[in-house]
Protein backbone atom coordinates (compact mmCIF):
# COMPACT_ATOMS: atom_id res chain seq x y z
CA MET A 1 -18.85 37.65 11.67
CA ASP A 2 -22.37 38.23 10.38
CA GLU A 3 -25.03 38.07 13.07
CA GLN A 4 -26.32 34.54 13.46
CA GLN A 5 -29.97 33.66 13.23
CA PRO A 6 -31.19 30.58 15.10
CA GLY A 7 -31.70 27.60 12.82
CA VAL A 8 -30.01 29.18 9.77
CA PRO A 9 -26.89 27.29 8.59
CA GLN A 10 -23.79 29.46 8.32
CA VAL A 11 -20.77 28.19 6.34
CA LEU A 12 -17.59 29.13 8.21
CA GLU A 13 -15.12 27.43 5.86
CA PRO A 14 -15.45 24.64 3.28
CA LEU A 15 -15.61 21.79 5.79
CA ILE A 16 -17.46 23.60 8.61
CA THR A 17 -21.04 24.83 8.96
CA ARG A 18 -22.64 26.00 12.18
CA VAL A 19 -26.26 26.15 13.28
CA LEU A 20 -27.30 28.23 16.29
CA ALA A 21 -29.81 26.84 18.79
CA ASN A 22 -32.45 29.23 20.07
CA ASN A 23 -31.39 29.03 23.73
CA PRO A 24 -29.84 32.42 24.53
CA SER A 25 -29.17 33.28 28.17
CA PRO A 26 -26.66 35.16 30.33
CA PHE A 27 -24.70 31.89 30.43
CA THR A 28 -25.03 30.69 26.81
CA HIS A 29 -24.65 34.10 25.07
CA THR A 30 -26.63 33.91 21.80
CA GLY A 31 -27.13 30.15 22.26
CA THR A 32 -25.37 26.85 21.69
CA GLN A 33 -23.63 26.48 18.34
CA THR A 34 -23.76 23.09 16.67
CA HIS A 35 -21.01 22.48 14.11
CA LEU A 36 -21.39 20.24 11.05
CA VAL A 37 -18.06 18.93 9.74
CA GLY A 38 -17.65 17.47 6.24
CA THR A 39 -19.23 17.76 2.81
CA THR A 40 -20.36 14.37 1.50
CA ASP A 41 -20.68 12.75 4.92
CA LEU A 42 -20.81 14.58 8.21
CA ALA A 43 -20.01 14.73 11.88
CA VAL A 44 -22.34 16.79 14.05
CA ILE A 45 -20.58 18.33 17.07
CA ASP A 46 -22.73 19.19 20.12
CA PRO A 47 -26.31 18.91 18.82
CA GLY A 48 -27.43 21.13 21.69
CA PRO A 49 -30.62 21.02 23.74
CA ASP A 50 -33.51 18.66 23.03
CA ASP A 51 -35.43 21.34 21.15
CA PRO A 52 -37.49 20.06 18.19
CA ARG A 53 -36.93 23.34 16.32
CA HIS A 54 -33.17 22.96 16.57
CA ILE A 55 -33.23 19.27 15.65
CA ASP A 56 -35.38 20.09 12.60
CA ALA A 57 -32.91 22.82 11.63
CA LEU A 58 -30.01 20.37 11.91
CA ILE A 59 -31.82 17.78 9.78
CA ALA A 60 -32.50 20.46 7.16
CA ALA A 61 -28.81 21.48 7.18
CA ILE A 62 -27.71 17.85 6.84
CA GLU A 63 -29.67 17.73 3.55
CA GLY A 64 -29.97 13.96 3.48
CA ARG A 65 -26.24 13.32 3.68
CA PRO A 66 -25.05 10.40 5.82
CA VAL A 67 -24.04 11.33 9.36
CA THR A 68 -20.98 9.37 10.43
CA ALA A 69 -21.12 10.45 14.07
CA ILE A 70 -22.81 12.73 16.57
CA VAL A 71 -19.88 14.04 18.59
CA ILE A 72 -20.20 15.38 22.14
CA THR A 73 -17.70 17.64 23.95
CA HIS A 74 -19.38 17.37 27.39
CA THR A 75 -22.73 16.58 28.92
CA HIS A 76 -24.15 19.86 30.15
CA ARG A 77 -27.77 20.11 29.11
CA ASP A 78 -27.24 22.83 26.53
CA HIS A 79 -24.86 20.52 24.60
CA SER A 80 -25.77 16.82 24.57
CA PRO A 81 -29.54 16.17 24.94
CA GLY A 82 -30.14 16.77 21.23
CA ALA A 83 -28.01 13.71 20.47
CA ALA A 84 -30.80 11.19 21.15
CA PRO A 85 -33.43 12.66 18.80
CA LEU A 86 -30.77 13.33 16.15
CA LYS A 87 -29.64 9.72 16.40
CA ALA A 88 -33.25 8.59 16.00
CA ALA A 89 -33.57 10.74 12.87
CA THR A 90 -30.24 9.85 11.23
CA GLY A 91 -29.17 6.50 12.66
CA ALA A 92 -25.76 7.95 13.50
CA PRO A 93 -23.87 6.73 16.58
CA ILE A 94 -23.28 9.04 19.52
CA ILE A 95 -19.58 9.28 20.39
CA GLY A 96 -17.32 11.49 22.45
CA CYS A 97 -17.00 12.24 26.14
CA PRO A 98 -17.87 9.64 28.77
CA PRO A 99 -21.20 9.88 30.63
CA LEU A 100 -21.22 12.04 33.71
CA ALA A 101 -24.37 12.58 35.74
CA LEU A 102 -24.24 14.06 39.20
CA ASP A 103 -25.95 16.65 41.33
CA ASP A 104 -24.52 19.96 40.20
CA LEU A 105 -24.40 22.94 42.54
CA GLY A 106 -24.05 25.33 39.63
CA PRO A 107 -26.05 28.49 39.14
CA ARG A 108 -28.14 27.67 36.08
CA ALA A 109 -30.55 24.98 35.02
CA ASP A 110 -29.02 24.39 31.59
CA MET A 111 -25.61 23.84 33.12
CA SER A 112 -26.71 20.72 34.98
CA PHE A 113 -25.72 17.38 33.55
CA ASP A 114 -27.61 15.34 30.98
CA ALA A 115 -28.47 12.19 32.91
CA ASP A 116 -29.85 10.49 29.76
CA TYR A 117 -26.65 10.78 27.70
CA ALA A 118 -25.81 7.31 26.38
CA PRO A 119 -22.81 7.23 24.02
CA ASP A 120 -22.25 4.34 21.63
CA ARG A 121 -18.51 4.94 21.87
CA VAL A 122 -16.48 6.81 24.46
CA MET A 123 -13.44 8.70 23.21
CA ALA A 124 -10.26 9.53 25.09
CA GLU A 125 -7.15 11.57 24.30
CA GLY A 126 -5.95 10.84 20.76
CA ASP A 127 -8.99 8.81 19.66
CA SER A 128 -10.44 9.80 16.31
CA VAL A 129 -13.42 9.54 14.00
CA SER A 130 -13.21 10.25 10.28
CA GLY A 131 -15.15 10.61 7.07
CA GLU A 132 -14.46 11.64 3.50
CA GLY A 133 -11.88 14.44 3.67
CA TRP A 134 -12.08 15.03 7.42
CA SER A 135 -11.07 13.60 10.77
CA LEU A 136 -11.73 14.67 14.34
CA ILE A 137 -9.14 13.90 17.02
CA ALA A 138 -10.12 14.03 20.70
CA ILE A 139 -8.14 16.34 22.98
CA ALA A 140 -8.85 15.86 26.69
CA THR A 141 -9.55 19.28 28.23
CA PRO A 142 -10.96 18.74 31.74
CA GLY A 143 -11.71 21.69 33.98
CA HIS A 144 -15.07 23.12 32.99
CA THR A 145 -16.22 19.54 33.49
CA SER A 146 -14.12 16.47 34.22
CA ASN A 147 -15.34 14.76 31.02
CA HIS A 148 -14.73 17.67 28.62
CA LEU A 149 -13.16 16.98 25.22
CA ALA A 150 -12.10 19.31 22.44
CA PHE A 151 -11.79 18.05 18.86
CA ALA A 152 -9.05 18.90 16.39
CA LEU A 153 -9.74 19.01 12.64
CA PRO A 154 -6.35 18.75 10.89
CA GLU A 155 -7.87 19.05 7.42
CA ALA A 156 -9.26 22.57 7.97
CA GLN A 157 -8.28 25.15 5.37
CA GLU A 158 -5.17 27.28 4.97
CA GLY A 159 -2.75 24.52 5.85
CA ALA A 160 -3.43 24.65 9.58
CA GLY A 161 -5.96 22.89 11.74
CA ALA A 162 -9.06 24.04 13.56
CA LEU A 163 -10.07 23.12 17.10
CA PHE A 164 -13.65 22.76 18.34
CA THR A 165 -13.30 23.89 21.94
CA GLY A 166 -16.80 23.32 23.35
CA ASP A 167 -17.00 25.36 26.54
CA HIS A 168 -13.32 25.08 27.48
CA VAL A 169 -12.48 28.23 25.52
CA MET A 170 -15.36 30.42 24.38
CA GLY A 171 -15.52 33.33 21.99
CA TRP A 172 -17.45 35.71 24.24
CA SER A 173 -16.65 35.10 27.91
CA THR A 174 -14.48 33.24 30.35
CA THR A 175 -15.55 29.71 31.24
CA ILE A 176 -17.41 28.85 34.42
CA VAL A 177 -15.50 26.39 36.59
CA SER A 178 -18.06 25.11 39.08
CA PRO A 179 -17.19 22.56 41.79
CA PRO A 180 -17.68 19.78 42.63
CA ASP A 181 -16.99 18.59 39.08
CA GLY A 182 -15.39 21.76 37.76
CA ASP A 183 -11.72 21.84 38.74
CA MET A 184 -9.54 24.96 38.50
CA ALA A 185 -6.22 23.10 38.55
CA ALA A 186 -7.39 20.82 35.73
CA TYR A 187 -8.73 23.82 33.81
CA MET A 188 -5.38 25.63 34.02
CA ASP A 189 -3.52 22.48 32.96
CA SER A 190 -5.86 22.15 29.96
CA LEU A 191 -5.25 25.76 28.98
CA ALA A 192 -1.52 25.11 29.15
CA LYS A 193 -2.01 22.08 26.89
CA LEU A 194 -3.80 24.22 24.29
CA GLN A 195 -1.11 26.89 24.55
CA GLY A 196 1.37 24.25 23.42
CA ARG A 197 -0.62 23.51 20.25
CA GLU A 198 -0.54 25.36 16.93
CA ASP A 199 -4.20 25.44 15.91
CA ARG A 200 -5.07 28.18 13.42
CA ILE A 201 -8.56 28.89 14.74
CA TYR A 202 -10.95 27.83 17.50
CA TYR A 203 -14.64 27.17 16.96
CA PRO A 204 -16.29 27.39 20.40
CA ALA A 205 -19.83 26.32 21.27
CA HIS A 206 -20.67 29.89 22.29
CA GLY A 207 -19.48 33.09 20.67
CA ASP A 208 -17.52 33.93 17.54
CA PRO A 209 -14.62 31.91 16.16
CA VAL A 210 -11.28 32.74 17.77
CA ASP A 211 -8.83 33.61 15.00
CA ARG A 212 -5.88 34.38 17.31
CA PRO A 213 -6.21 31.48 19.72
CA GLN A 214 -2.75 31.61 21.28
CA ARG A 215 -3.25 35.23 22.32
CA LEU A 216 -6.65 34.42 23.83
CA VAL A 217 -5.32 31.41 25.75
CA ARG A 218 -2.48 33.51 27.16
CA GLY A 219 -5.05 36.07 28.22
CA LEU A 220 -7.23 33.44 29.89
CA ILE A 221 -4.28 32.07 31.85
CA GLY A 222 -3.33 35.61 32.89
CA HIS A 223 -6.92 36.38 33.88
CA ARG A 224 -7.12 33.37 36.18
CA LYS A 225 -3.79 34.24 37.76
CA GLN A 226 -5.07 37.77 38.35
CA ARG A 227 -8.20 36.39 40.03
CA GLU A 228 -6.03 34.18 42.24
CA GLY A 229 -3.96 37.20 43.18
CA GLN A 230 -7.10 39.19 44.03
CA ILE A 231 -8.30 36.42 46.32
CA LEU A 232 -4.98 36.22 48.15
CA ARG A 233 -4.84 40.00 48.60
CA LEU A 234 -8.39 40.12 49.98
CA LEU A 235 -7.72 37.27 52.38
CA GLY A 236 -4.42 38.88 53.34
CA ALA A 237 -6.40 41.89 54.52
CA ALA A 238 -8.98 39.89 56.49
CA PRO A 239 -10.77 36.51 56.53
CA GLN A 240 -13.80 36.66 54.27
CA SER A 241 -16.75 34.74 52.90
CA ILE A 242 -17.11 34.00 49.20
CA PRO A 243 -20.05 36.42 48.70
CA ALA A 244 -18.03 39.20 50.30
CA MET A 245 -15.10 38.52 47.98
CA VAL A 246 -17.31 38.36 44.89
CA ALA A 247 -18.87 41.73 45.72
CA LYS A 248 -15.40 43.28 45.69
CA MET A 249 -13.97 41.34 42.75
CA TYR A 250 -16.84 41.55 40.26
CA VAL A 251 -17.95 45.16 40.46
CA GLY A 252 -20.48 46.14 37.78
CA ILE A 253 -21.35 42.68 36.42
CA ASP A 254 -24.90 41.52 35.76
CA PRO A 255 -26.29 40.45 39.17
CA ARG A 256 -27.61 37.28 37.53
CA LEU A 257 -23.97 36.22 37.11
CA PHE A 258 -23.07 36.52 40.80
CA PRO A 259 -23.85 32.86 41.56
CA ALA A 260 -21.56 31.79 38.71
CA ALA A 261 -18.84 34.12 39.97
CA GLU A 262 -19.16 32.56 43.42
CA ARG A 263 -18.62 29.10 41.92
CA SER A 264 -15.47 30.24 40.12
CA VAL A 265 -14.11 31.86 43.28
CA LEU A 266 -14.82 28.63 45.15
CA ALA A 267 -12.91 26.70 42.47
CA HIS A 268 -9.91 29.00 42.97
CA LEU A 269 -10.14 28.58 46.75
CA ILE A 270 -10.26 24.79 46.52
CA ASP A 271 -7.15 24.89 44.34
CA LEU A 272 -5.38 27.25 46.76
CA GLN A 273 -6.42 25.04 49.68
CA ALA A 274 -4.95 21.98 47.96
CA ARG A 275 -1.70 23.92 47.59
CA GLY A 276 -1.67 24.73 51.32
CA MET A 277 -2.23 28.47 50.84
CA VAL A 278 -5.69 29.02 52.35
CA THR A 279 -7.99 27.35 54.82
CA GLU A 280 -11.73 27.47 55.53
CA GLU A 281 -13.91 27.28 58.62
CA ASP A 282 -17.65 27.97 58.86
CA GLN A 283 -17.72 29.32 55.27
CA THR A 284 -15.04 31.89 56.07
CA TRP A 285 -11.75 31.68 54.22
CA ARG A 286 -8.36 32.90 55.45
CA ILE A 287 -4.69 32.69 54.58
CA ASP A 288 -3.21 29.46 55.92
CA THR A 289 -0.50 30.46 58.32
């Protein structure tokens, strides 16, 4: 793909245009990608942060066309806060995932939840919204957050649908699964659900489109199983703390990502604990014998 420039609309296929928000970070890659779906009337998926420059860029890309819906995959602050000012500018309803506001122990400010998110309509598995020549069908994909939705676009080109995956599957990195809301077992179940689908292409909120989605999903499942195996081998050698495990498991990564890695390891440990495989005492984890 050509390099994206923040605020510059990029047509990905006839029904899909994306606009990049100027919020790059070690956790958002080049920034949050907002997708516009439709031609004569539009859906706007994940309007991003409440950044006037990005909202102005979206309004310019809309070009005066009616907006049927502002659609939200989940309520982390790099995805949903732009919905309120975009609604004020267009009159479009906010629909999608249910509200979720809680204290998040995650490693980054823009990952915390949008406490002001106020949808006009909450969508669940199989619910849809449509316009002229397009429809978006909600696919429940909890794991990254408990309220995460993906959205299928059956009318995408080449006789096969597209899937807007939010942060559940990204085009540049694995997804952070951060307790207490992030849930590794739910995340793995959601990956298995996507593996059973036949989408042609994924459009994530961060990173390039994924044009071989089944291969990527298989790889993500394998990666998580490898991480689980690493944890069990380390704990089989000796009881350990999470920071000690992360130092051995994530050699060479950007130190700024260590807190996120610790959250993902914790998510694995909570899952293993629920399955009766490990136990914890005083922040030290060991094999449950």
